[in-house]
């Protein structure tokens, strides 16, 4: 019997755990759900995404509407 081909799944963001700051919204959650479903169905799949060690940032606007960015710190090693 021939081996099943392996699927390579590329996404700019993947939401696997809320503590892992690798996604910003619904499309990341959808990507995470797709990967979980493939695992449940035992589909041979490799997922590739970006990993920013600084994570995302909190956006603050002052009274004049100027943006400042405050980094969100998270420990990559704790989650991977």
PDB file of N, CA and C in Angstrom:
ATOM      1  N   UNK A   1       0.846  -1.178   0.000  1.00  0.00           N
ATOM      2  CA  UNK A   1       0.000   0.000   0.000  1.00  0.00           C
ATOM      3  C   UNK A   1       0.894   1.244   0.000  1.00  0.00           C
ATOM      4  N   UNK A   2       0.540   2.212  -0.811  1.00  0.00           N
ATOM      5  CA  UNK A   2       1.325   3.446  -0.917  1.00  0.00           C
ATOM      6  C   UNK A   2       1.116   4.303   0.327  1.00  0.00           C
ATOM      7  N   UNK A   3       2.173   4.977   0.730  1.00  0.00           N
ATOM      8  CA  UNK A   3       2.090   5.868   1.895  1.00  0.00           C
ATOM      9  C   UNK A   3       1.284   7.110   1.536  1.00  0.00           C
ATOM     10  N   UNK A   4       0.545   7.609   2.528  1.00  0.00           N
ATOM     11  CA  UNK A   4      -0.213   8.842   2.313  1.00  0.00           C
ATOM     12  C   UNK A   4       0.754  10.011   2.178  1.00  0.00           C
ATOM     13  N   UNK A   5       0.462  10.929   1.268  1.00  0.00           N
ATOM     14  CA  UNK A   5       1.327  12.107   1.178  1.00  0.00           C
ATOM     15  C   UNK A   5       1.178  12.963   2.436  1.00  0.00           C
ATOM     16  N   UNK A   6       2.247  13.635   2.800  1.00  0.00           N
ATOM     17  CA  UNK A   6       2.221  14.518   3.964  1.00  0.00           C
ATOM     18  C   UNK A   6       1.783  15.901   3.505  1.00  0.00           C
ATOM     19  N   UNK A   7       0.849  16.478   4.225  1.00  0.00           N
ATOM     20  CA  UNK A   7       0.353  17.815   3.924  1.00  0.00           C
ATOM     21  C   UNK A   7       1.229  18.833   4.644  1.00  0.00           C
ATOM     22  N   UNK A   8       1.674  19.853   3.927  1.00  0.00           N
ATOM     23  CA  UNK A   8       2.397  20.970   4.538  1.00  0.00           C
ATOM     24  C   UNK A   8       1.415  22.131   4.647  1.00  0.00           C
ATOM     25  N   UNK A   9       1.137  22.551   5.875  1.00  0.00           N
ATOM     26  CA  UNK A   9       0.151  23.601   6.139  1.00  0.00           C
ATOM     27  C   UNK A   9       0.900  24.845   6.607  1.00  0.00           C
ATOM     28  N   UNK A  10       0.842  25.906   5.820  1.00  0.00           N
ATOM     29  CA  UNK A  10       1.521  27.158   6.148  1.00  0.00           C
ATOM     30  C   UNK A  10       0.480  28.206   6.510  1.00  0.00           C
ATOM     31  N   UNK A  11       0.698  28.895   7.613  1.00  0.00           N
ATOM     32  CA  UNK A  11      -0.218  29.952   8.029  1.00  0.00           C
ATOM     33  C   UNK A  11       0.577  31.050   8.725  1.00  0.00           C
ATOM     34  N   UNK A  12       0.203  32.286   8.486  1.00  0.00           N
ATOM     35  CA  UNK A  12       0.881  33.416   9.129  1.00  0.00           C
ATOM     36  C   UNK A  12       0.628  33.435  10.629  1.00  0.00           C
ATOM     37  N   UNK A  13      -0.459  32.825  11.072  1.00  0.00           N
ATOM     38  CA  UNK A  13      -0.752  32.742  12.500  1.00  0.00           C
ATOM     39  C   UNK A  13      -1.531  31.469  12.779  1.00  0.00           C
ATOM     40  N   UNK A  14      -1.255  30.861  13.932  1.00  0.00           N
ATOM     41  CA  UNK A  14      -1.947  29.641  14.339  1.00  0.00           C
ATOM     42  C   UNK A  14      -2.271  29.755  15.817  1.00  0.00           C
ATOM     43  N   UNK A  15      -3.536  29.659  16.142  1.00  0.00           N
ATOM     44  CA  UNK A  15      -3.967  29.713  17.536  1.00  0.00           C
ATOM     45  C   UNK A  15      -4.115  28.313  18.099  1.00  0.00           C
ATOM     46  N   UNK A  16      -3.130  27.868  18.857  1.00  0.00           N
ATOM     47  CA  UNK A  16      -3.200  26.548  19.492  1.00  0.00           C
ATOM     48  C   UNK A  16      -3.583  26.658  20.960  1.00  0.00           C
ATOM     49  N   UNK A  17      -3.030  27.618  21.645  1.00  0.00           N
ATOM     50  CA  UNK A  17      -3.307  27.863  23.060  1.00  0.00           C
ATOM     51  C   UNK A  17      -3.410  29.368  23.264  1.00  0.00           C
ATOM     52  N   UNK A  18      -4.319  29.802  24.107  1.00  0.00           N
ATOM     53  CA  UNK A  18      -4.473  31.243  24.323  1.00  0.00           C
ATOM     54  C   UNK A  18      -3.230  31.858  24.953  1.00  0.00           C
ATOM     55  N   UNK A  19      -2.451  31.064  25.684  1.00  0.00           N
ATOM     56  CA  UNK A  19      -1.225  31.587  26.309  1.00  0.00           C
ATOM     57  C   UNK A  19      -0.094  31.759  25.302  1.00  0.00           C
ATOM     58  N   UNK A  20      -0.201  31.082  24.158  1.00  0.00           N
ATOM     59  CA  UNK A  20       0.826  31.208  23.118  1.00  0.00           C
ATOM     60  C   UNK A  20       0.430  32.354  22.198  1.00  0.00           C
ATOM     61  N   UNK A  21       1.195  33.413  22.214  1.00  0.00           N
ATOM     62  CA  UNK A  21       0.843  34.616  21.470  1.00  0.00           C
ATOM     63  C   UNK A  21       1.274  34.506  20.010  1.00  0.00           C
ATOM     64  N   UNK A  22       0.680  33.540  19.313  1.00  0.00           N
ATOM     65  CA  UNK A  22       1.028  33.294  17.915  1.00  0.00           C
ATOM     66  C   UNK A  22      -0.125  33.619  16.976  1.00  0.00           C
ATOM     67  N   UNK A  23      -1.156  34.274  17.479  1.00  0.00           N
ATOM     68  CA  UNK A  23      -2.295  34.623  16.633  1.00  0.00           C
ATOM     69  C   UNK A  23      -2.959  35.880  17.175  1.00  0.00           C
ATOM     70  N   UNK A  24      -3.701  36.552  16.290  1.00  0.00           N
ATOM     71  CA  UNK A  24      -4.335  37.807  16.683  1.00  0.00           C
ATOM     72  C   UNK A  24      -5.855  37.743  16.594  1.00  0.00           C
ATOM     73  N   UNK A  25      -6.395  36.770  15.893  1.00  0.00           N
ATOM     74  CA  UNK A  25      -7.844  36.773  15.742  1.00  0.00           C
ATOM     75  C   UNK A  25      -8.395  35.487  15.175  1.00  0.00           C
ATOM     76  N   UNK A  26      -9.541  35.632  14.517  1.00  0.00           N
ATOM     77  CA  UNK A  26     -10.325  34.498  14.059  1.00  0.00           C
ATOM     78  C   UNK A  26      -9.634  33.582  13.073  1.00  0.00           C
ATOM     79  N   UNK A  27      -8.858  34.141  12.156  1.00  0.00           N
ATOM     80  CA  UNK A  27      -8.189  33.277  11.183  1.00  0.00           C
ATOM     81  C   UNK A  27      -7.129  32.410  11.843  1.00  0.00           C
ATOM     82  N   UNK A  28      -6.476  32.923  12.865  1.00  0.00           N
ATOM     83  CA  UNK A  28      -5.516  32.119  13.619  1.00  0.00           C
ATOM     84  C   UNK A  28      -6.201  30.994  14.372  1.00  0.00           C
ATOM     85  N   UNK A  29      -7.374  31.292  14.930  1.00  0.00           N
ATOM     86  CA  UNK A  29      -8.159  30.263  15.622  1.00  0.00           C
ATOM     87  C   UNK A  29      -8.602  29.194  14.624  1.00  0.00           C
ATOM     88  N   UNK A  30      -9.048  29.621  13.450  1.00  0.00           N
ATOM     89  CA  UNK A  30      -9.454  28.674  12.409  1.00  0.00           C
ATOM     90  C   UNK A  30      -8.286  27.783  11.994  1.00  0.00           C
ATOM     91  N   UNK A  31      -7.103  28.356  11.855  1.00  0.00           N
ATOM     92  CA  UNK A  31      -5.917  27.563  11.509  1.00  0.00           C
ATOM     93  C   UNK A  31      -5.624  26.536  12.599  1.00  0.00           C
ATOM     94  N   UNK A  32      -5.727  26.941  13.861  1.00  0.00           N
ATOM     95  CA  UNK A  32      -5.516  26.008  14.966  1.00  0.00           C
ATOM     96  C   UNK A  32      -6.532  24.882  14.961  1.00  0.00           C
ATOM     97  N   UNK A  33      -7.792  25.215  14.680  1.00  0.00           N
ATOM     98  CA  UNK A  33      -8.836  24.190  14.606  1.00  0.00           C
ATOM     99  C   UNK A  33      -8.573  23.213  13.465  1.00  0.00           C
ATOM    100  N   UNK A  34      -8.082  23.725  12.350  1.00  0.00           N
ATOM    101  CA  UNK A  34      -7.753  22.867  11.210  1.00  0.00           C
ATOM    102  C   UNK A  34      -6.660  21.871  11.580  1.00  0.00           C
ATOM    103  N   UNK A  35      -5.651  22.343  12.281  1.00  0.00           N
ATOM    104  CA  UNK A  35      -4.547  21.468  12.691  1.00  0.00           C
ATOM    105  C   UNK A  35      -5.030  20.427  13.697  1.00  0.00           C
ATOM    106  N   UNK A  36      -5.861  20.843  14.651  1.00  0.00           N
ATOM    107  CA  UNK A  36      -6.410  19.884  15.630  1.00  0.00           C
ATOM    108  C   UNK A  36      -7.256  18.815  14.940  1.00  0.00           C
ATOM    109  N   UNK A  37      -8.075  19.233  13.969  1.00  0.00           N
ATOM    110  CA  UNK A  37      -8.909  18.274  13.239  1.00  0.00           C
ATOM    111  C   UNK A  37      -8.057  17.280  12.466  1.00  0.00           C
ATOM    112  N   UNK A  38      -7.000  17.771  11.836  1.00  0.00           N
ATOM    113  CA  UNK A  38      -6.100  16.868  11.108  1.00  0.00           C
ATOM    114  C   UNK A  38      -5.468  15.862  12.060  1.00  0.00           C
ATOM    115  N   UNK A  39      -5.092  16.312  13.247  1.00  0.00           N
ATOM    116  CA  UNK A  39      -4.508  15.394  14.235  1.00  0.00           C
ATOM    117  C   UNK A  39      -5.536  14.358  14.676  1.00  0.00           C
ATOM    118  N   UNK A  40      -6.776  14.799  14.930  1.00  0.00           N
ATOM    119  CA  UNK A  40      -7.835  13.865  15.338  1.00  0.00           C
ATOM    120  C   UNK A  40      -8.103  12.811  14.266  1.00  0.00           C
ATOM    121  N   UNK A  41      -8.016  13.218  13.002  1.00  0.00           N
ATOM    122  CA  UNK A  41      -8.264  12.303  11.885  1.00  0.00           C
ATOM    123  C   UNK A  41      -7.006  11.546  11.459  1.00  0.00           C
ATOM    124  N   UNK A  42      -5.903  11.778  12.163  1.00  0.00           N
ATOM    125  CA  UNK A  42      -4.616  11.147  11.875  1.00  0.00           C
ATOM    126  C   UNK A  42      -4.135  11.431  10.457  1.00  0.00           C
ATOM    127  N   UNK A  43      -4.393  12.647  10.002  1.00  0.00           N
ATOM    128  CA  UNK A  43      -3.894  13.093   8.705  1.00  0.00           C
ATOM    129  C   UNK A  43      -2.428  13.475   8.879  1.00  0.00           C
ATOM    130  N   UNK A  44      -1.533  12.935   8.065  1.00  0.00           N
ATOM    131  CA  UNK A  44      -0.123  13.318   8.186  1.00  0.00           C
ATOM    132  C   UNK A  44       0.051  14.773   7.742  1.00  0.00           C
ATOM    133  N   UNK A  45       0.355  15.629   8.688  1.00  0.00           N
ATOM    134  CA  UNK A  45       0.394  17.060   8.428  1.00  0.00           C
ATOM    135  C   UNK A  45       1.540  17.696   9.194  1.00  0.00           C
ATOM    136  N   UNK A  46       2.214  18.614   8.547  1.00  0.00           N
ATOM    137  CA  UNK A  46       3.243  19.431   9.181  1.00  0.00           C
ATOM    138  C   UNK A  46       2.767  20.869   9.078  1.00  0.00           C
ATOM    139  N   UNK A  47       2.692  21.563  10.215  1.00  0.00           N
ATOM    140  CA  UNK A  47       2.244  22.958  10.231  1.00  0.00           C
ATOM    141  C   UNK A  47       3.438  23.877  10.454  1.00  0.00           C
ATOM    142  N   UNK A  48       3.469  24.966   9.698  1.00  0.00           N
ATOM    143  CA  UNK A  48       4.551  25.944   9.796  1.00  0.00           C
ATOM    144  C   UNK A  48       3.934  27.322   9.994  1.00  0.00           C
ATOM    145  N   UNK A  49       4.443  28.053  10.987  1.00  0.00           N
ATOM    146  CA  UNK A  49       3.962  29.409  11.237  1.00  0.00           C
ATOM    147  C   UNK A  49       5.117  30.266  11.713  1.00  0.00           C
ATOM    148  N   UNK A  50       4.846  31.533  11.911  1.00  0.00           N
ATOM    149  CA  UNK A  50       5.836  32.459  12.447  1.00  0.00           C
ATOM    150  C   UNK A  50       5.809  32.400  13.960  1.00  0.00           C
ATOM    151  N   UNK A  51       6.955  32.615  14.556  1.00  0.00           N
ATOM    152  CA  UNK A  51       7.031  32.680  16.012  1.00  0.00           C
ATOM    153  C   UNK A  51       7.825  33.925  16.383  1.00  0.00           C
ATOM    154  N   UNK A  52       7.138  34.871  16.971  1.00  0.00           N
ATOM    155  CA  UNK A  52       7.783  36.107  17.402  1.00  0.00           C
ATOM    156  C   UNK A  52       8.091  35.993  18.886  1.00  0.00           C
ATOM    157  N   UNK A  53       9.337  36.014  19.246  1.00  0.00           N
ATOM    158  CA  UNK A  53       9.716  35.893  20.656  1.00  0.00           C
ATOM    159  C   UNK A  53       9.234  37.071  21.487  1.00  0.00           C
ATOM    160  N   UNK A  54       8.992  38.197  20.872  1.00  0.00           N
ATOM    161  CA  UNK A  54       8.458  39.349  21.593  1.00  0.00           C
ATOM    162  C   UNK A  54       6.933  39.301  21.665  1.00  0.00           C
ATOM    163  N   UNK A  55       6.320  38.427  20.916  1.00  0.00           N
ATOM    164  CA  UNK A  55       4.864  38.365  20.905  1.00  0.00           C
ATOM    165  C   UNK A  55       4.282  39.600  20.243  1.00  0.00           C
ATOM    166  N   UNK A  56       3.048  39.874  20.540  1.00  0.00           N
ATOM    167  CA  UNK A  56       2.393  41.057  20.014  1.00  0.00           C
ATOM    168  C   UNK A  56       2.654  42.221  20.954  1.00  0.00           C
ATOM    169  N   UNK A  57       1.942  43.306  20.767  1.00  0.00           N
ATOM    170  CA  UNK A  57       2.125  44.446  21.653  1.00  0.00           C
ATOM    171  C   UNK A  57       0.774  45.031  22.028  1.00  0.00           C
ATOM    172  N   UNK A  58       0.756  45.699  23.168  1.00  0.00           N
ATOM    173  CA  UNK A  58      -0.418  46.454  23.574  1.00  0.00           C
ATOM    174  C   UNK A  58      -0.330  47.823  22.926  1.00  0.00           C
ATOM    175  N   UNK A  59      -1.401  48.250  22.309  1.00  0.00           N
ATOM    176  CA  UNK A  59      -1.436  49.563  21.679  1.00  0.00           C
ATOM    177  C   UNK A  59      -2.104  50.539  22.634  1.00  0.00           C
ATOM    178  N   UNK A  60      -1.433  51.638  22.875  1.00  0.00           N
ATOM    179  CA  UNK A  60      -1.987  52.699  23.712  1.00  0.00           C
ATOM    180  C   UNK A  60      -2.094  53.962  22.867  1.00  0.00           C
ATOM    181  N   UNK A  61      -3.191  54.667  23.001  1.00  0.00           N
ATOM    182  CA  UNK A  61      -3.376  55.941  22.322  1.00  0.00           C
ATOM    183  C   UNK A  61      -3.473  57.034  23.371  1.00  0.00           C
ATOM    184  N   UNK A  62      -2.718  58.112  23.147  1.00  0.00           N
ATOM    185  CA  UNK A  62      -2.803  59.223  24.097  1.00  0.00           C
ATOM    186  C   UNK A  62      -3.942  60.160  23.679  1.00  0.00           C
ATOM    187  N   UNK A  63      -4.117  61.248  24.404  1.00  0.00           N
ATOM    188  CA  UNK A  63      -5.227  62.177  24.159  1.00  0.00           C
ATOM    189  C   UNK A  63      -5.164  62.793  22.759  1.00  0.00           C
ATOM    190  N   UNK A  64      -3.973  62.879  22.176  1.00  0.00           N
ATOM    191  CA  UNK A  64      -3.821  63.427  20.826  1.00  0.00           C
ATOM    192  C   UNK A  64      -3.922  62.344  19.746  1.00  0.00           C
ATOM    193  N   UNK A  65      -4.147  61.106  20.137  1.00  0.00           N
ATOM    194  CA  UNK A  65      -4.292  60.014  19.185  1.00  0.00           C
ATOM    195  C   UNK A  65      -2.988  59.377  18.747  1.00  0.00           C
ATOM    196  N   UNK A  66      -1.889  59.720  19.406  1.00  0.00           N
ATOM    197  CA  UNK A  66      -0.598  59.113  19.065  1.00  0.00           C
ATOM    198  C   UNK A  66      -0.499  57.722  19.689  1.00  0.00           C
ATOM    199  N   UNK A  67       0.026  56.806  18.902  1.00  0.00           N
ATOM    200  CA  UNK A  67       0.156  55.419  19.354  1.00  0.00           C
ATOM    201  C   UNK A  67       1.503  55.190  20.018  1.00  0.00           C
ATOM    202  N   UNK A  68       1.462  54.445  21.097  1.00  0.00           N
ATOM    203  CA  UNK A  68       2.682  53.892  21.671  1.00  0.00           C
ATOM    204  C   UNK A  68       2.472  52.390  21.787  1.00  0.00           C
ATOM    205  N   UNK A  69       3.535  51.658  21.595  1.00  0.00           N
ATOM    206  CA  UNK A  69       3.470  50.196  21.655  1.00  0.00           C
ATOM    207  C   UNK A  69       4.210  49.709  22.884  1.00  0.00           C
ATOM    208  N   UNK A  70       3.528  48.885  23.669  1.00  0.00           N
ATOM    209  CA  UNK A  70       4.142  48.265  24.838  1.00  0.00           C
ATOM    210  C   UNK A  70       4.232  46.769  24.566  1.00  0.00           C
ATOM    211  N   UNK A  71       5.432  46.203  24.591  1.00  0.00           N
ATOM    212  CA  UNK A  71       5.573  44.779  24.259  1.00  0.00           C
ATOM    213  C   UNK A  71       4.863  43.878  25.264  1.00  0.00           C
ATOM    214  N   UNK A  72       4.385  42.765  24.757  1.00  0.00           N
ATOM    215  CA  UNK A  72       3.797  41.722  25.591  1.00  0.00           C
ATOM    216  C   UNK A  72       4.868  40.655  25.756  1.00  0.00           C
ATOM    217  N   UNK A  73       5.323  40.457  26.954  1.00  0.00           N
ATOM    218  CA  UNK A  73       6.384  39.479  27.195  1.00  0.00           C
ATOM    219  C   UNK A  73       5.774  38.110  27.503  1.00  0.00           C
ATOM    220  N   UNK A  74       6.316  37.092  26.874  1.00  0.00           N
ATOM    221  CA  UNK A  74       5.903  35.721  27.163  1.00  0.00           C
ATOM    222  C   UNK A  74       7.111  34.821  26.967  1.00  0.00           C
ATOM    223  N   UNK A  75       7.100  33.724  27.651  1.00  0.00           N
ATOM    224  CA  UNK A  75       8.227  32.804  27.594  1.00  0.00           C
ATOM    225  C   UNK A  75       7.937  31.704  26.580  1.00  0.00           C
ATOM    226  N   UNK A  76       8.592  31.781  25.448  1.00  0.00           N
ATOM    227  CA  UNK A  76       8.410  30.788  24.393  1.00  0.00           C
ATOM    228  C   UNK A  76       8.742  29.392  24.908  1.00  0.00           C
ATOM    229  N   UNK A  77       9.811  29.279  25.667  1.00  0.00           N
ATOM    230  CA  UNK A  77      10.256  27.967  26.146  1.00  0.00           C
ATOM    231  C   UNK A  77       9.248  27.308  27.078  1.00  0.00           C
ATOM    232  N   UNK A  78       8.430  28.092  27.772  1.00  0.00           N
ATOM    233  CA  UNK A  78       7.411  27.520  28.654  1.00  0.00           C
ATOM    234  C   UNK A  78       6.269  26.882  27.874  1.00  0.00           C
ATOM    235  N   UNK A  79       6.021  27.358  26.648  1.00  0.00           N
ATOM    236  CA  UNK A  79       4.870  26.902  25.878  1.00  0.00           C
ATOM    237  C   UNK A  79       5.210  25.896  24.787  1.00  0.00           C
ATOM    238  N   UNK A  80       6.474  25.775  24.438  1.00  0.00           N
ATOM    239  CA  UNK A  80       6.825  24.846  23.349  1.00  0.00           C
ATOM    240  C   UNK A  80       7.510  23.615  23.876  1.00  0.00           C
TER     241      UNK A  80
END
